[in-house]
């Protein structure tokens, strides 16, 4: 049983540690009835999209043929729009092309970069260049030319015109490359399971290789009418979960994985037509090395997880009943009580007998369960104690648990909240009081740099612009009474970096900088 300070949303969580599991039901490739897909003529369509729905015929030319590689999973509605739209759009430009839908068939989290790598390996001997193309982004402006990128990578969906992303290093959405260039870069990193950051890492590969990214010229439309973005944010929620050490690893340049390390199997290959447009579907099983990228599977909440928020009147008998019910189902349960300071005093006295290692009955044994109590009330006391240690010459990294336990025990017992004058503390059934140390300014600066790297590329030893750093710290950080620590940690950093970065980009585009 552990009591310590921390801020979380859930107040009470019961998790079965050893027996809970997740069942993922997933479509294995595209069903056979898709062998000839026809878009209904009377379905609702965006007005901007309708003008491209017309009959077309691609003339046979001597032009270099384009392979459109679409990383895909469960986006059938978008595909119904994408295939005929692209055929009509590229038909105007007389660009010969073929669409390759690389469908992730395995149970792992979506890996856009690896699917693009697979698509490339499957088509490189038959095509001169390819487009990595999101299925939910449709070009509308005829000046977005998909012709052979003579001078290097051509980013069609530049930040000046993309509906959502406007930072300078953005190269996602639609990117055209020559085959030899993609091979020179060893493709994309295979470490990015889940949504985001794989194209930012690929941008670094391009820059380090000395290739210049170009973007379309003479585009008179803007972010609202250059592309049609058909992503449904409600029903198509992006997988932004971060687990294990994913956040740390995926913010670094990957010099190990790519085309040369890709492991996959083609489950099946199908030739379809969507509104008369030929589409090749590659159903792919990716391989995940869980020793290197364990985040290819992030465990989600199972039916053994329940949540309760703090409330002024929480009947103790209900709390005891909830705990007994969970332990009866899974003896090795984990209980987390968050924001304990908001719970009524004396609440936990009702469960003291459950926490005592020597108090158990034949019908139920709680000794295998773990109880964690999270509270914010000890923050000032922790900061003062840490300052005393620093003043005495003890480095933060050298601080020991026993340096804080007495301070935390006294604070928890004497301050208002669920542990105030608690019999649980008086009975010494709490094994440890663990502090979460406050962040110093140097830690907050690291947070700023990590957030900044979402929008701009920096060398590993290159600092964030000093004026930008100071602006973020000034607006997002307040210092506590010790004068050493941030009152709010890094909580406000993400939104503030995003706001200031886009404001800076807007001023630059308007000629104000």
Foldseek 3Di string as FASTA:
>chain_A
DEEEADADDFFKKKDFDPPDDDDDDFDQFDDPVQQEAEDDPPDDDDPLQVVLQDDADQDDDPAFAEEEEEEDGPPVVLQLSQQSNVRSLVRVVSHHYAYEYEYARDDFFRFLQLSVLVVLVVCVVPGFKYKHAYSQKGFRDSLLDPGDPPQFKEQACALFAALPHNFHLDRDHIIMGTSVVCVVLLGWFRQDGWDDLRSLLVSVSCVVVVGDYHYGPPDPDGNPGRIGGRDDCVVDPTGPDDDDCSLVVSLDRDPDDHSVPWDKDFPDWGWHANNNHIYIYTHMHGDDDCVVRVVSDDDDDGPLIDGDDADADDDLVVVVVVVQVSCVVHLQMEIEGEAQLRHAAQSCLSCLLLLAQVRDDPVGHNNNYHYYYHHDQLQVLLAVLVVVCVVVPHDPVRDDQVSCFVSQLVRQQPDHGHNDVYVNSVVVSHPGYGYDHFDFPVQLLVVLVSLLSSRDDDDPPDHDPPVLSVVLCVPPFDDDPVRTGTPVHNVRNNVSSVVVSVVVVVCVVVVND
